[in-house]
Amino acid sequence: MAKKLITILTPCYNEELNVREVHRRVMAVAGELPEYQFEHLFIDNASTDGTVAVLRAIATEDPSVKVILNARNFGVDRSGMHGFLQAKGDAVGTLVADLQDPPELFVEMIRAWEAGFPIVAAIKNTSDENALMYGVRTSYYRLVARLTNLHILEHFTGFGLYDRSVVERIRTCFPDPYPYFRGMIAELGLPIAKVFYNQNRRERGTTSYNFYSLYDFAMLGITNLSKVPLRLVIFCGFISAFISFAVGMFYLVYKLVFWANFNVGVAPLVLGLFFLGSIQLIALGIIGEYVGSIHTLVLNRPLVTEKERINF
């Protein structure tokens, strides 16, 4: 009987110091599970360091390694999703190249998958990262959970194992050129097994994430999963209108009663204008985020453009 195929997908960008070690540890997992056939699929997002050269060397040494090279940097979400949809395994595992997530956890994930769970999600319940940043992430997950009726996995980054049926459902049900993978998993509503781990600090190289990319990813999650911010805009508009009307009526009555000596100057008017202006800017910003999401969807561009494939 043919062995089941496990594909481990590793998206990477400027990870020349890590990709060889990631592959070594994935193959060590394969050695612990000889009843399965393993392949390691790397998708490189147009790295500017020596990552591609290292990947070519690994692919030459090990025919079970497949490599997709993108024509340019399409962003971690688009690149990762394209690689996910190219994986051919009976189960597909996702593992980033920075070695903060332990590849050894796939042994436990595969056991849970064989027990019948189509999705096995790795949840980081502790982390060696900055405590403030960990707290910010926790607050974000809880905010998203309150804004939607979906069950969002807290501190789930996409690291996990997915049955072939999950890959095909995502392929057919989510034709999104700017995907939010965690939201897709929540939308599917399939049974999920959870395995927990401590996320290590990055030991080699530097992260490609900056404030803008983190903000962009956070807004993507909110706009993909919830319409609550749009309704908050309407709610704030009603509240602002009511406050303005109440204050206006108060000043009218006060002026009529104390006609001769009522004089407050222009300060209340200026403050009111700044208050209403700030609300309008916030409202336009929120609406703009949703319009941007619609614009991206309407363009219907491909996830990535490939430059080369190795060992396919």
C-alpha atoms as a PDB file:
ATOM      1  CA  MET A   1       0.000   0.000   0.000  1.00  0.00           C
ATOM      2  CA  ALA A   2       1.305   3.451  -0.968  1.00  0.00           C
ATOM      3  CA  LYS A   3       2.391   5.686   1.852  1.00  0.00           C
ATOM      4  CA  LYS A   4       0.396   8.825   2.574  1.00  0.00           C
ATOM      5  CA  LEU A   5       2.143  11.986   1.468  1.00  0.00           C
ATOM      6  CA  ILE A   6       2.790  14.802   3.949  1.00  0.00           C
ATOM      7  CA  THR A   7       3.732  18.153   2.394  1.00  0.00           C
ATOM      8  CA  ILE A   8       5.380  20.691   4.662  1.00  0.00           C
ATOM      9  CA  LEU A   9       5.073  24.197   3.222  1.00  0.00           C
ATOM     10  CA  THR A  10       7.622  26.819   4.262  1.00  0.00           C
ATOM     11  CA  PRO A  11       7.197  30.376   2.935  1.00  0.00           C
ATOM     12  CA  CYS A  12      10.419  32.360   3.204  1.00  0.00           C
ATOM     13  CA  TYR A  13      11.880  35.784   2.544  1.00  0.00           C
ATOM     14  CA  ASN A  14      15.524  36.620   3.323  1.00  0.00           C
ATOM     15  CA  GLU A  15      16.003  33.519   5.473  1.00  0.00           C
ATOM     16  CA  GLU A  16      19.371  32.256   4.196  1.00  0.00           C
ATOM     17  CA  LEU A  17      20.503  31.602   7.774  1.00  0.00           C
ATOM     18  CA  ASN A  18      17.465  29.453   8.605  1.00  0.00           C
ATOM     19  CA  VAL A  19      16.186  27.478   5.610  1.00  0.00           C
ATOM     20  CA  ARG A  20      18.780  24.699   5.806  1.00  0.00           C
ATOM     21  CA  GLU A  21      18.154  24.186   9.530  1.00  0.00           C
ATOM     22  CA  VAL A  22      14.377  24.213   8.959  1.00  0.00           C
ATOM     23  CA  HIS A  23      14.758  21.501   6.336  1.00  0.00           C
ATOM     24  CA  ARG A  24      17.055  19.423   8.547  1.00  0.00           C
ATOM     25  CA  ARG A  25      14.523  19.460  11.376  1.00  0.00           C
ATOM     26  CA  VAL A  26      11.615  18.632   9.068  1.00  0.00           C
ATOM     27  CA  MET A  27      13.536  15.648   7.732  1.00  0.00           C
ATOM     28  CA  ALA A  28      14.258  14.586  11.309  1.00  0.00           C
ATOM     29  CA  VAL A  29      10.493  14.490  11.849  1.00  0.00           C
ATOM     30  CA  ALA A  30      10.163  12.417   8.661  1.00  0.00           C
ATOM     31  CA  GLY A  31      12.716   9.992  10.109  1.00  0.00           C
ATOM     32  CA  GLU A  32      10.494   9.507  13.168  1.00  0.00           C
ATOM     33  CA  LEU A  33       7.510   8.681  10.944  1.00  0.00           C
ATOM     34  CA  PRO A  34       8.774   6.198   8.319  1.00  0.00           C
ATOM     35  CA  GLU A  35       5.199   5.111   7.554  1.00  0.00           C
ATOM     36  CA  TYR A  36       4.674   8.413   5.709  1.00  0.00           C
ATOM     37  CA  GLN A  37       6.270   9.947   2.648  1.00  0.00           C
ATOM     38  CA  PHE A  38       7.409  13.552   3.194  1.00  0.00           C
ATOM     39  CA  GLU A  39       8.100  16.405   0.805  1.00  0.00           C
ATOM     40  CA  HIS A  40       9.243  19.894   1.763  1.00  0.00           C
ATOM     41  CA  LEU A  41       7.891  22.744  -0.351  1.00  0.00           C
ATOM     42  CA  PHE A  42       9.570  26.145  -0.085  1.00  0.00           C
ATOM     43  CA  ILE A  43       8.076  29.246  -1.689  1.00  0.00           C
ATOM     44  CA  ASP A  44      10.516  32.146  -1.812  1.00  0.00           C
ATOM     45  CA  ASN A  45       9.076  35.646  -2.014  1.00  0.00           C
ATOM     46  CA  ALA A  46      11.887  37.207  -4.101  1.00  0.00           C
ATOM     47  CA  SER A  47      14.539  37.205  -1.379  1.00  0.00           C
ATOM     48  CA  THR A  48      17.324  39.735  -1.775  1.00  0.00           C
ATOM     49  CA  ASP A  49      19.948  37.793   0.204  1.00  0.00           C
ATOM     50  CA  GLY A  50      21.383  34.324  -0.450  1.00  0.00           C
ATOM     51  CA  THR A  51      18.204  32.370   0.338  1.00  0.00           C
ATOM     52  CA  VAL A  52      17.610  31.246  -3.246  1.00  0.00           C
ATOM     53  CA  ALA A  53      21.147  29.896  -3.600  1.00  0.00           C
ATOM     54  CA  VAL A  54      20.740  27.880  -0.401  1.00  0.00           C
ATOM     55  CA  LEU A  55      17.363  26.536  -1.585  1.00  0.00           C
ATOM     56  CA  ARG A  56      18.871  25.467  -4.910  1.00  0.00           C
ATOM     57  CA  ALA A  57      21.600  23.590  -3.047  1.00  0.00           C
ATOM     58  CA  ILE A  58      19.098  21.859  -0.762  1.00  0.00           C
ATOM     59  CA  ALA A  59      16.912  20.881  -3.738  1.00  0.00           C
ATOM     60  CA  THR A  60      19.972  19.418  -5.509  1.00  0.00           C
ATOM     61  CA  GLU A  61      20.877  17.358  -2.446  1.00  0.00           C
ATOM     62  CA  ASP A  62      17.311  16.202  -1.669  1.00  0.00           C
ATOM     63  CA  PRO A  63      14.811  15.439  -4.477  1.00  0.00           C
ATOM     64  CA  SER A  64      11.931  15.563  -1.975  1.00  0.00           C
ATOM     65  CA  VAL A  65      12.482  19.330  -1.730  1.00  0.00           C
ATOM     66  CA  LYS A  66      10.427  21.460  -4.099  1.00  0.00           C
ATOM     67  CA  VAL A  67      10.958  25.192  -4.569  1.00  0.00           C
ATOM     68  CA  ILE A  68       8.772  27.932  -6.044  1.00  0.00           C
ATOM     69  CA  LEU A  69      10.482  31.253  -6.758  1.00  0.00           C
ATOM     70  CA  ASN A  70       8.216  34.302  -7.020  1.00  0.00           C
ATOM     71  CA  ALA A  71       8.878  36.998  -9.611  1.00  0.00           C
ATOM     72  CA  ARG A  72       8.651  39.701  -6.924  1.00  0.00           C
ATOM     73  CA  ASN A  73       7.644  40.165  -3.302  1.00  0.00           C
ATOM     74  CA  PHE A  74       3.867  39.653  -3.236  1.00  0.00           C
ATOM     75  CA  GLY A  75       3.499  39.788   0.540  1.00  0.00           C
ATOM     76  CA  VAL A  76       3.546  36.971   3.044  1.00  0.00           C
ATOM     77  CA  ASP A  77      -0.213  36.232   2.842  1.00  0.00           C
ATOM     78  CA  ARG A  78      -0.446  35.948  -0.927  1.00  0.00           C
ATOM     79  CA  SER A  79       2.792  34.007  -1.257  1.00  0.00           C
ATOM     80  CA  GLY A  80       1.898  31.624   1.550  1.00  0.00           C
ATOM     81  CA  MET A  81      -1.578  30.962   0.156  1.00  0.00           C
ATOM     82  CA  HIS A  82      -0.222  30.260  -3.330  1.00  0.00           C
ATOM     83  CA  GLY A  83       2.224  27.757  -1.901  1.00  0.00           C
ATOM     84  CA  PHE A  84      -0.541  26.174   0.168  1.00  0.00           C
ATOM     85  CA  LEU A  85      -2.685  25.633  -2.932  1.00  0.00           C
ATOM     86  CA  GLN A  86       0.250  24.075  -4.852  1.00  0.00           C
ATOM     87  CA  ALA A  87       0.905  21.445  -2.174  1.00  0.00           C
ATOM     88  CA  LYS A  88      -0.061  17.915  -3.238  1.00  0.00           C
ATOM     89  CA  GLY A  89       0.055  16.052   0.078  1.00  0.00           C
ATOM     90  CA  ASP A  90      -2.741  14.052   1.678  1.00  0.00           C
ATOM     91  CA  ALA A  91      -2.067  16.469   4.533  1.00  0.00           C
ATOM     92  CA  VAL A  92      -0.372  19.856   4.252  1.00  0.00           C
ATOM     93  CA  GLY A  93       1.591  21.396   7.100  1.00  0.00           C
ATOM     94  CA  THR A  94       2.539  25.066   7.228  1.00  0.00           C
ATOM     95  CA  LEU A  95       5.742  26.192   8.917  1.00  0.00           C
ATOM     96  CA  VAL A  96       7.476  29.569   8.637  1.00  0.00           C
ATOM     97  CA  ALA A  97      11.230  29.650   8.165  1.00  0.00           C
ATOM     98  CA  ASP A  98      12.256  31.715  11.199  1.00  0.00           C
ATOM     99  CA  LEU A  99      12.437  28.661  13.527  1.00  0.00           C
ATOM    100  CA  GLN A 100      10.230  30.309  16.150  1.00  0.00           C
ATOM    101  CA  ASP A 101       7.720  27.479  15.670  1.00  0.00           C
ATOM    102  CA  PRO A 102       9.037  23.950  16.390  1.00  0.00           C
ATOM    103  CA  PRO A 103       8.864  21.514  13.418  1.00  0.00           C
ATOM    104  CA  GLU A 104       8.948  18.640  15.923  1.00  0.00           C
ATOM    105  CA  LEU A 105       5.317  19.433  16.753  1.00  0.00           C
ATOM    106  CA  PHE A 106       4.276  17.855  13.459  1.00  0.00           C
ATOM    107  CA  VAL A 107       4.612  14.416  15.048  1.00  0.00           C
ATOM    108  CA  GLU A 108       1.781  15.256  17.436  1.00  0.00           C
ATOM    109  CA  MET A 109      -0.186  16.999  14.678  1.00  0.00           C
ATOM    110  CA  ILE A 110      -0.044  13.984  12.372  1.00  0.00           C
ATOM    111  CA  ARG A 111      -1.324  11.726  15.157  1.00  0.00           C
ATOM    112  CA  ALA A 112      -4.286  14.084  15.663  1.00  0.00           C
ATOM    113  CA  TRP A 113      -4.918  14.181  11.893  1.00  0.00           C
ATOM    114  CA  GLU A 114      -4.943  10.378  11.727  1.00  0.00           C
ATOM    115  CA  ALA A 115      -7.444  10.401  14.602  1.00  0.00           C
ATOM    116  CA  GLY A 116      -9.906  12.125  12.241  1.00  0.00           C
ATOM    117  CA  PHE A 117      -9.383  15.875  12.660  1.00  0.00           C
ATOM    118  CA  PRO A 118      -9.250  17.682   9.288  1.00  0.00           C
ATOM    119  CA  ILE A 119      -7.539  20.694  10.910  1.00  0.00           C
ATOM    120  CA  VAL A 120      -4.836  20.569  13.565  1.00  0.00           C
ATOM    121  CA  ALA A 121      -3.999  24.067  14.808  1.00  0.00           C
ATOM    122  CA  ALA A 122      -0.849  24.875  16.749  1.00  0.00           C
ATOM    123  CA  ILE A 123      -1.619  27.470  19.433  1.00  0.00           C
ATOM    124  CA  LYS A 124       1.159  29.368  21.176  1.00  0.00           C
ATOM    125  CA  ASN A 125       0.058  29.549  24.806  1.00  0.00           C
ATOM    126  CA  THR A 126       3.395  31.048  25.870  1.00  0.00           C
ATOM    127  CA  SER A 127       5.992  33.070  24.019  1.00  0.00           C
ATOM    128  CA  ASP A 128       9.556  34.257  24.493  1.00  0.00           C
ATOM    129  CA  GLU A 129       8.797  37.481  22.619  1.00  0.00           C
ATOM    130  CA  ASN A 130       8.443  40.872  24.298  1.00  0.00           C
ATOM    131  CA  ALA A 131       5.679  40.714  26.917  1.00  0.00           C
ATOM    132  CA  LEU A 132       4.151  43.978  25.698  1.00  0.00           C
ATOM    133  CA  MET A 133       3.930  42.703  22.123  1.00  0.00           C
ATOM    134  CA  TYR A 134       2.411  39.426  23.290  1.00  0.00           C
ATOM    135  CA  GLY A 135      -0.179  41.406  25.250  1.00  0.00           C
ATOM    136  CA  VAL A 136      -0.988  43.553  22.198  1.00  0.00           C
ATOM    137  CA  ARG A 137      -1.520  40.417  20.115  1.00  0.00           C
ATOM    138  CA  THR A 138      -3.806  38.967  22.807  1.00  0.00           C
ATOM    139  CA  SER A 139      -5.870  42.162  22.875  1.00  0.00           C
ATOM    140  CA  TYR A 140      -6.164  42.124  19.085  1.00  0.00           C
ATOM    141  CA  TYR A 141      -7.419  38.535  18.970  1.00  0.00           C
ATOM    142  CA  ARG A 142     -10.004  39.305  21.635  1.00  0.00           C
ATOM    143  CA  LEU A 143     -11.112  42.447  19.797  1.00  0.00           C
ATOM    144  CA  VAL A 144     -11.636  40.485  16.578  1.00  0.00           C
ATOM    145  CA  ALA A 145     -13.528  37.818  18.519  1.00  0.00           C
ATOM    146  CA  ARG A 146     -15.904  40.479  19.852  1.00  0.00           C
ATOM    147  CA  LEU A 147     -16.436  42.003  16.410  1.00  0.00           C
ATOM    148  CA  THR A 148     -17.513  38.750  14.773  1.00  0.00           C
ATOM    149  CA  ASN A 149     -19.647  35.739  15.547  1.00  0.00           C
ATOM    150  CA  LEU A 150     -16.940  33.353  14.313  1.00  0.00           C
ATOM    151  CA  HIS A 151     -14.778  31.356  16.681  1.00  0.00           C
ATOM    152  CA  ILE A 152     -11.345  32.896  16.154  1.00  0.00           C
ATOM    153  CA  LEU A 153      -8.463  30.855  17.538  1.00  0.00           C
ATOM    154  CA  GLU A 154      -6.431  33.038  19.867  1.00  0.00           C
ATOM    155  CA  HIS A 155      -2.676  33.080  19.116  1.00  0.00           C
ATOM    156  CA  PHE A 156      -3.117  30.861  16.067  1.00  0.00           C
ATOM    157  CA  THR A 157      -0.726  32.060  13.359  1.00  0.00           C
ATOM    158  CA  GLY A 158      -1.496  29.449  10.680  1.00  0.00           C
ATOM    159  CA  PHE A 159       1.114  26.963  11.914  1.00  0.00           C
ATOM    160  CA  GLY A 160      -0.708  23.648  11.661  1.00  0.00           C
ATOM    161  CA  LEU A 161      -1.667  20.605   9.603  1.00  0.00           C
ATOM    162  CA  TYR A 162      -4.567  20.495   7.137  1.00  0.00           C
ATOM    163  CA  ASP A 163      -6.275  17.590   5.436  1.00  0.00           C
ATOM    164  CA  ARG A 164      -6.445  17.451   1.630  1.00  0.00           C
ATOM    165  CA  SER A 165     -10.181  18.177   1.818  1.00  0.00           C
ATOM    166  CA  VAL A 166      -9.457  21.467   3.630  1.00  0.00           C
ATOM    167  CA  VAL A 167      -7.025  22.553   0.903  1.00  0.00           C
ATOM    168  CA  GLU A 168      -9.632  21.855  -1.789  1.00  0.00           C
ATOM    169  CA  ARG A 169     -12.395  23.665   0.107  1.00  0.00           C
ATOM    170  CA  ILE A 170     -10.217  26.741   0.485  1.00  0.00           C
ATOM    171  CA  ARG A 171      -9.353  26.553  -3.224  1.00  0.00           C
ATOM    172  CA  THR A 172     -13.007  26.522  -4.292  1.00  0.00           C
ATOM    173  CA  CYS A 173     -14.680  28.602  -1.580  1.00  0.00           C
ATOM    174  CA  PHE A 174     -12.235  31.493  -1.082  1.00  0.00           C
ATOM    175  CA  PRO A 175     -11.145  33.059  -4.410  1.00  0.00           C
ATOM    176  CA  ASP A 176      -9.611  35.971  -2.517  1.00  0.00           C
ATOM    177  CA  PRO A 177      -6.552  37.711  -4.040  1.00  0.00           C
ATOM    178  CA  TYR A 178      -5.628  39.078  -0.595  1.00  0.00           C
ATOM    179  CA  PRO A 179      -6.334  36.127   1.705  1.00  0.00           C
ATOM    180  CA  TYR A 180      -6.736  36.080   5.478  1.00  0.00           C
ATOM    181  CA  PHE A 181      -5.939  32.450   6.228  1.00  0.00           C
ATOM    182  CA  ARG A 182      -6.967  32.429   9.904  1.00  0.00           C
ATOM    183  CA  GLY A 183     -10.346  33.836   8.959  1.00  0.00           C
ATOM    184  CA  MET A 184     -10.791  31.143   6.317  1.00  0.00           C
ATOM    185  CA  ILE A 185     -10.154  28.423   8.876  1.00  0.00           C
ATOM    186  CA  ALA A 186     -12.718  30.006  11.205  1.00  0.00           C
ATOM    187  CA  GLU A 187     -15.260  30.372   8.370  1.00  0.00           C
ATOM    188  CA  LEU A 188     -15.012  26.680   7.443  1.00  0.00           C
ATOM    189  CA  GLY A 189     -16.292  25.617  10.861  1.00  0.00           C
ATOM    190  CA  LEU A 190     -14.696  22.166  10.639  1.00  0.00           C
ATOM    191  CA  PRO A 191     -13.546  20.217  13.726  1.00  0.00           C
ATOM    192  CA  ILE A 192     -10.201  21.486  14.979  1.00  0.00           C
ATOM    193  CA  ALA A 193      -7.669  19.711  17.176  1.00  0.00           C
ATOM    194  CA  LYS A 194      -5.404  22.037  19.144  1.00  0.00           C
ATOM    195  CA  VAL A 195      -1.814  21.439  20.109  1.00  0.00           C
ATOM    196  CA  PHE A 196       0.003  23.941  22.300  1.00  0.00           C
ATOM    197  CA  TYR A 197       3.587  25.140  22.293  1.00  0.00           C
ATOM    198  CA  ASN A 198       5.931  27.883  23.407  1.00  0.00           C
ATOM    199  CA  GLN A 199       7.039  30.210  20.614  1.00  0.00           C
ATOM    200  CA  ASN A 200      10.784  30.805  20.723  1.00  0.00           C
ATOM    201  CA  ARG A 201      12.619  34.012  19.954  1.00  0.00           C
ATOM    202  CA  ARG A 202      14.142  34.418  16.526  1.00  0.00           C
ATOM    203  CA  GLU A 203      17.801  33.400  16.828  1.00  0.00           C
ATOM    204  CA  ARG A 204      19.123  34.160  13.326  1.00  0.00           C
ATOM    205  CA  GLY A 205      18.287  36.878  10.840  1.00  0.00           C
ATOM    206  CA  THR A 206      15.810  39.720  11.212  1.00  0.00           C
ATOM    207  CA  THR A 207      12.064  39.733  10.791  1.00  0.00           C
ATOM    208  CA  SER A 208      10.563  41.255   7.642  1.00  0.00           C
ATOM    209  CA  TYR A 209       7.552  42.506   9.592  1.00  0.00           C
ATOM    210  CA  ASN A 210       7.352  46.210  10.406  1.00  0.00           C
ATOM    211  CA  PHE A 211       4.665  48.400  11.939  1.00  0.00           C
ATOM    212  CA  TYR A 212       2.913  48.981   8.609  1.00  0.00           C
ATOM    213  CA  SER A 213       2.771  45.291   7.674  1.00  0.00           C
ATOM    214  CA  LEU A 214       1.431  44.381  11.122  1.00  0.00           C
ATOM    215  CA  TYR A 215      -1.185  47.150  10.895  1.00  0.00           C
ATOM    216  CA  ASP A 216      -2.134  46.046   7.381  1.00  0.00           C
ATOM    217  CA  PHE A 217      -2.543  42.458   8.539  1.00  0.00           C
ATOM    218  CA  ALA A 218      -4.627  43.533  11.551  1.00  0.00           C
ATOM    219  CA  MET A 219      -6.977  45.618   9.411  1.00  0.00           C
ATOM    220  CA  LEU A 220      -7.254  42.784   6.901  1.00  0.00           C
ATOM    221  CA  GLY A 221      -8.486  40.502   9.663  1.00  0.00           C
ATOM    222  CA  ILE A 222     -11.117  42.983  10.854  1.00  0.00           C
ATOM    223  CA  THR A 223     -12.457  43.932   7.409  1.00  0.00           C
ATOM    224  CA  ASN A 224     -12.584  40.293   6.290  1.00  0.00           C
ATOM    225  CA  LEU A 225     -14.535  39.065   9.271  1.00  0.00           C
ATOM    226  CA  SER A 226     -16.766  41.866  10.531  1.00  0.00           C
ATOM    227  CA  LYS A 227     -19.097  44.689   9.474  1.00  0.00           C
ATOM    228  CA  VAL A 228     -19.278  46.035  13.021  1.00  0.00           C
ATOM    229  CA  PRO A 229     -16.860  48.960  12.407  1.00  0.00           C
ATOM    230  CA  LEU A 230     -19.100  50.220   9.588  1.00  0.00           C
ATOM    231  CA  ARG A 231     -22.095  50.121  11.890  1.00  0.00           C
ATOM    232  CA  LEU A 232     -20.108  51.873  14.590  1.00  0.00           C
ATOM    233  CA  VAL A 233     -19.602  54.731  12.116  1.00  0.00           C
ATOM    234  CA  ILE A 234     -23.379  55.095  11.772  1.00  0.00           C
ATOM    235  CA  PHE A 235     -23.805  54.805  15.533  1.00  0.00           C
ATOM    236  CA  CYS A 236     -21.196  57.509  16.161  1.00  0.00           C
ATOM    237  CA  GLY A 237     -22.920  59.715  13.598  1.00  0.00           C
ATOM    238  CA  PHE A 238     -26.218  59.431  15.456  1.00  0.00           C
ATOM    239  CA  ILE A 239     -24.548  60.097  18.799  1.00  0.00           C
ATOM    240  CA  SER A 240     -22.689  63.120  17.433  1.00  0.00           C
ATOM    241  CA  ALA A 241     -25.867  64.505  15.876  1.00  0.00           C
ATOM    242  CA  PHE A 242     -27.760  64.063  19.142  1.00  0.00           C
ATOM    243  CA  ILE A 243     -25.029  65.777  21.181  1.00  0.00           C
ATOM    244  CA  SER A 244     -24.851  68.650  18.693  1.00  0.00           C
ATOM    245  CA  PHE A 245     -28.629  69.090  18.783  1.00  0.00           C
ATOM    246  CA  ALA A 246     -28.740  68.985  22.601  1.00  0.00           C
ATOM    247  CA  VAL A 247     -25.899  71.504  22.954  1.00  0.00           C
ATOM    248  CA  GLY A 248     -27.517  73.746  20.344  1.00  0.00           C
ATOM    249  CA  MET A 249     -30.849  73.717  22.154  1.00  0.00           C
ATOM    250  CA  PHE A 250     -29.094  74.444  25.457  1.00  0.00           C
ATOM    251  CA  TYR A 251     -27.336  77.500  23.992  1.00  0.00           C
ATOM    252  CA  LEU A 252     -30.554  78.705  22.370  1.00  0.00           C
ATOM    253  CA  VAL A 253     -32.497  78.553  25.639  1.00  0.00           C
ATOM    254  CA  TYR A 254     -29.605  80.047  27.591  1.00  0.00           C
ATOM    255  CA  LYS A 255     -29.359  82.924  25.103  1.00  0.00           C
ATOM    256  CA  LEU A 256     -33.081  83.617  25.279  1.00  0.00           C
ATOM    257  CA  VAL A 257     -33.015  83.660  29.076  1.00  0.00           C
ATOM    258  CA  PHE A 258     -29.804  85.687  29.481  1.00  0.00           C
ATOM    259  CA  TRP A 259     -29.951  87.760  26.298  1.00  0.00           C
ATOM    260  CA  ALA A 260     -28.125  90.813  27.582  1.00  0.00           C
ATOM    261  CA  ASN A 261     -25.078  89.250  29.205  1.00  0.00           C
ATOM    262  CA  PHE A 262     -24.609  85.913  27.375  1.00  0.00           C
ATOM    263  CA  ASN A 263     -21.182  85.899  25.672  1.00  0.00           C
ATOM    264  CA  VAL A 264     -19.044  82.744  25.425  1.00  0.00           C
ATOM    265  CA  GLY A 265     -16.926  83.628  22.398  1.00  0.00           C
ATOM    266  CA  VAL A 266     -15.917  81.293  19.598  1.00  0.00           C
ATOM    267  CA  ALA A 267     -14.137  78.623  21.707  1.00  0.00           C
ATOM    268  CA  PRO A 268     -17.147  76.225  21.873  1.00  0.00           C
ATOM    269  CA  LEU A 269     -17.648  76.594  18.131  1.00  0.00           C
ATOM    270  CA  VAL A 270     -14.001  75.799  17.356  1.00  0.00           C
ATOM    271  CA  LEU A 271     -13.962  72.811  19.727  1.00  0.00           C
ATOM    272  CA  GLY A 272     -17.188  71.507  18.201  1.00  0.00           C
ATOM    273  CA  LEU A 273     -15.793  71.777  14.684  1.00  0.00           C
ATOM    274  CA  PHE A 274     -12.616  69.918  15.650  1.00  0.00           C
ATOM    275  CA  PHE A 275     -14.689  67.219  17.386  1.00  0.00           C
ATOM    276  CA  LEU A 276     -16.962  66.673  14.399  1.00  0.00           C
ATOM    277  CA  GLY A 277     -14.015  66.843  11.990  1.00  0.00           C
ATOM    278  CA  SER A 278     -12.141  64.125  13.865  1.00  0.00           C
ATOM    279  CA  ILE A 279     -15.212  61.867  13.834  1.00  0.00           C
ATOM    280  CA  GLN A 280     -15.549  62.390  10.084  1.00  0.00           C
ATOM    281  CA  LEU A 281     -11.905  61.514   9.470  1.00  0.00           C
ATOM    282  CA  ILE A 282     -12.203  58.327  11.535  1.00  0.00           C
ATOM    283  CA  ALA A 283     -15.390  57.407   9.675  1.00  0.00           C
ATOM    284  CA  LEU A 284     -13.755  58.010   6.289  1.00  0.00           C
ATOM    285  CA  GLY A 285     -10.764  55.923   7.338  1.00  0.00           C
ATOM    286  CA  ILE A 286     -12.941  52.973   8.346  1.00  0.00           C
ATOM    287  CA  ILE A 287     -15.008  53.203   5.169  1.00  0.00           C
ATOM    288  CA  GLY A 288     -11.787  53.496   3.157  1.00  0.00           C
ATOM    289  CA  GLU A 289     -10.472  50.219   4.589  1.00  0.00           C
ATOM    290  CA  TYR A 290     -13.601  48.406   3.387  1.00  0.00           C
ATOM    291  CA  VAL A 291     -13.526  50.134   0.005  1.00  0.00           C
ATOM    292  CA  GLY A 292      -9.876  49.091  -0.330  1.00  0.00           C
ATOM    293  CA  SER A 293     -10.807  45.472   0.389  1.00  0.00           C
ATOM    294  CA  ILE A 294     -13.550  45.609  -2.241  1.00  0.00           C
ATOM    295  CA  HIS A 295     -11.140  47.186  -4.736  1.00  0.00           C
ATOM    296  CA  THR A 296      -8.614  44.389  -4.195  1.00  0.00           C
ATOM    297  CA  LEU A 297     -11.307  41.742  -4.673  1.00  0.00           C
ATOM    298  CA  VAL A 298     -12.710  43.359  -7.821  1.00  0.00           C
ATOM    299  CA  LEU A 299      -9.261  43.529  -9.458  1.00  0.00           C
ATOM    300  CA  ASN A 300      -9.108  39.716  -9.166  1.00  0.00           C
ATOM    301  CA  ARG A 301      -5.349  39.568  -9.641  1.00  0.00           C
ATOM    302  CA  PRO A 302      -3.434  36.292  -9.196  1.00  0.00           C
ATOM    303  CA  LEU A 303      -1.918  35.549  -5.822  1.00  0.00           C
ATOM    304  CA  VAL A 304       1.625  35.567  -7.239  1.00  0.00           C
ATOM    305  CA  THR A 305       3.530  35.342 -10.494  1.00  0.00           C
ATOM    306  CA  GLU A 306       6.035  32.509 -10.473  1.00  0.00           C
ATOM    307  CA  LYS A 307       9.518  32.965 -11.909  1.00  0.00           C
ATOM    308  CA  GLU A 308      10.748  29.390 -11.565  1.00  0.00           C
ATOM    309  CA  ARG A 309       9.979  25.967 -10.140  1.00  0.00           C
ATOM    310  CA  ILE A 310      12.601  23.519  -8.933  1.00  0.00           C
ATOM    311  CA  ASN A 311      12.156  19.724  -8.569  1.00  0.00           C
ATOM    312  CA  PHE A 312       8.547  19.712  -9.765  1.00  0.00           C
END
